[in-house]
Amino acid sequence: MSEPTQKYSITMPRDIAEAARARGGPSGLSSYVAAAVARQIERDNLNDLIQVAEAAHGPITDEEIQALRDQLHQARELQNRRGADGA
């Protein structure tokens, strides 16, 4: 069962609305906008968590970010190799 819905009236620039309508496809503009807002809420929540963590532990350095990106890249490469080996 899906979440209950409610109708809202929003105002946005015409070009953005038309691009969203075109991208909405069969699921429609409302579904597209709802998904975009949900993603933004997730980002806002993550930013809140980062602020709390940085307040407690200090800011994350560029070097720490790059090290984590490198680890993620290596993990993805390993996963892709394992997937190719299993095919």
Protein backbone atom coordinates (compact mmCIF):
# COMPACT_ATOMS: atom_id res chain seq x y z
CA MET A 1 0.00 0.00 0.00
CA SER A 2 1.39 3.41 -0.88
CA GLU A 3 1.58 6.45 1.33
CA PRO A 4 -1.48 8.71 1.48
CA THR A 5 -1.23 11.68 -0.82
CA GLN A 6 -2.46 15.22 -0.72
CA LYS A 7 -2.72 17.81 -3.44
CA TYR A 8 -0.51 20.92 -3.26
CA SER A 9 -0.10 23.99 -5.38
CA ILE A 10 3.49 25.03 -6.03
CA THR A 11 5.09 27.74 -8.10
CA MET A 12 8.26 27.18 -10.11
CA PRO A 13 9.87 28.62 -13.22
CA ARG A 14 8.14 27.48 -16.40
CA ASP A 15 11.30 26.02 -17.96
CA ILE A 16 11.96 23.86 -14.90
CA ALA A 17 8.33 22.70 -14.80
CA GLU A 18 8.39 21.79 -18.49
CA ALA A 19 11.69 19.91 -18.14
CA ALA A 20 10.30 18.02 -15.13
CA ARG A 21 7.09 17.22 -17.01
CA ALA A 22 9.11 15.89 -19.97
CA ARG A 23 11.27 13.76 -17.66
CA GLY A 24 8.31 12.55 -15.62
CA GLY A 25 7.26 10.23 -18.41
CA PRO A 26 4.49 7.74 -17.70
CA SER A 27 4.65 8.25 -13.93
CA GLY A 28 3.92 11.95 -14.37
CA LEU A 29 5.02 15.30 -13.05
CA SER A 30 3.78 14.75 -9.50
CA SER A 31 5.75 11.53 -9.11
CA TYR A 32 8.88 13.16 -10.55
CA VAL A 33 8.62 16.18 -8.24
CA ALA A 34 7.91 13.98 -5.20
CA ALA A 35 11.03 11.89 -5.92
CA ALA A 36 13.14 15.05 -6.34
CA VAL A 37 11.89 16.49 -3.06
CA ALA A 38 12.53 13.16 -1.29
CA ARG A 39 16.14 13.18 -2.56
CA GLN A 40 16.60 16.75 -1.37
CA ILE A 41 15.28 15.84 2.09
CA GLU A 42 17.79 12.94 2.22
CA ARG A 43 20.61 15.35 1.31
CA ASP A 44 19.46 17.86 3.92
CA ASN A 45 19.36 15.10 6.56
CA LEU A 46 22.87 13.96 5.60
CA ASN A 47 24.13 17.54 5.81
CA ASP A 48 22.60 17.79 9.29
CA LEU A 49 24.44 14.61 10.33
CA ILE A 50 27.71 15.93 8.92
CA GLN A 51 27.32 19.17 10.87
CA VAL A 52 26.68 17.27 14.10
CA ALA A 53 29.67 14.96 13.49
CA GLU A 54 31.97 17.86 12.61
CA ALA A 55 30.86 19.78 15.69
CA ALA A 56 31.77 16.77 17.83
CA HIS A 57 34.93 15.61 16.02
CA GLY A 58 36.14 18.54 13.93
CA PRO A 59 35.86 19.10 10.20
CA ILE A 60 36.64 16.38 7.70
CA THR A 61 39.82 17.16 5.78
CA ASP A 62 40.20 17.00 2.01
CA GLU A 63 42.73 14.21 2.52
CA GLU A 64 40.23 12.14 4.51
CA ILE A 65 37.59 12.64 1.83
CA GLN A 66 40.02 11.60 -0.92
CA ALA A 67 41.10 8.51 1.04
CA LEU A 68 37.47 7.43 1.39
CA ARG A 69 36.82 8.08 -2.30
CA ASP A 70 39.86 5.93 -3.14
CA GLN A 71 38.53 3.11 -0.91
CA LEU A 72 35.12 3.31 -2.58
CA HIS A 73 36.71 3.26 -6.04
CA GLN A 74 38.79 0.20 -5.12
CA ALA A 75 35.74 -1.59 -3.70
CA ARG A 76 33.75 -0.89 -6.86
CA GLU A 77 36.58 -2.17 -9.05
CA LEU A 78 36.81 -5.35 -6.98
CA GLN A 79 33.05 -5.83 -7.15
CA ASN A 80 33.06 -5.33 -10.92
CA ARG A 81 35.90 -7.84 -11.35
CA ARG A 82 34.06 -10.41 -9.22
CA GLY A 83 30.88 -9.84 -11.21
CA ALA A 84 32.75 -10.29 -14.49
CA ASP A 85 34.39 -13.47 -13.21
CA GLY A 86 31.01 -14.94 -12.28
CA ALA A 87 29.39 -14.19 -15.65
